[in-house]
């Protein structure tokens, strides 16, 4: 898959909205961290939290969920190889906040009930929305509508939950499980048909 195909796929999965760091990661390409920079590495407990949150976003139903599709390792690899150090640090901070909220509820995130875990994920979603609005308010002059000088960060970062959702959708629907079991996968397309009637309840076609 080339970069533009990957970008188009993420945009479709996100309903057309893709964060700036994801745009840069896919257009500029993925390369390992430069020598001397601190590599992005998650602890075992953080990996488990990422996998569990991804599985909350896309749970197993009549098809496997995000965890079974290997979305957790995919997210770690993407952030390590395709995103800035600033984005990686921001993501790790988000995981720390998840752990802090879990302790407020009386335990580690993975030891909580599913209802409690979902409550934390929803809180992170709300926090991401607030963070995005506050950032937009700081960067744009409400009177002129122009970007304020010096207000934009040199390395823009995406709120923790937003990046989790982007990479969960991207990882799942480009995995073998997501493409072949959740979508209608056509491995060898035939002739081009410009207009194909879709039956009610038919799966969307996987992009290849």
Foldseek 3Di string as FASTA:
>chain_A
DALVLLVVQLCVLVVNDDDPQSNQLSVVDWAADDPPDDFQDDDPLLLVLLLVLLCVLFPDDVAHGLNVLVLSVVLSRSCRTRGDPVQSVQLVVLSVVLQVQVVVVPDGLVPDDPVSNVVSLVVLVVVQVVVVVVLVPQQADPVVRHGDPPSDDPGDYHRNSVSSNSSSSSSQCVGPRNQVPQAPEDPDDDDDDPDDDDDPPHGHHRDD
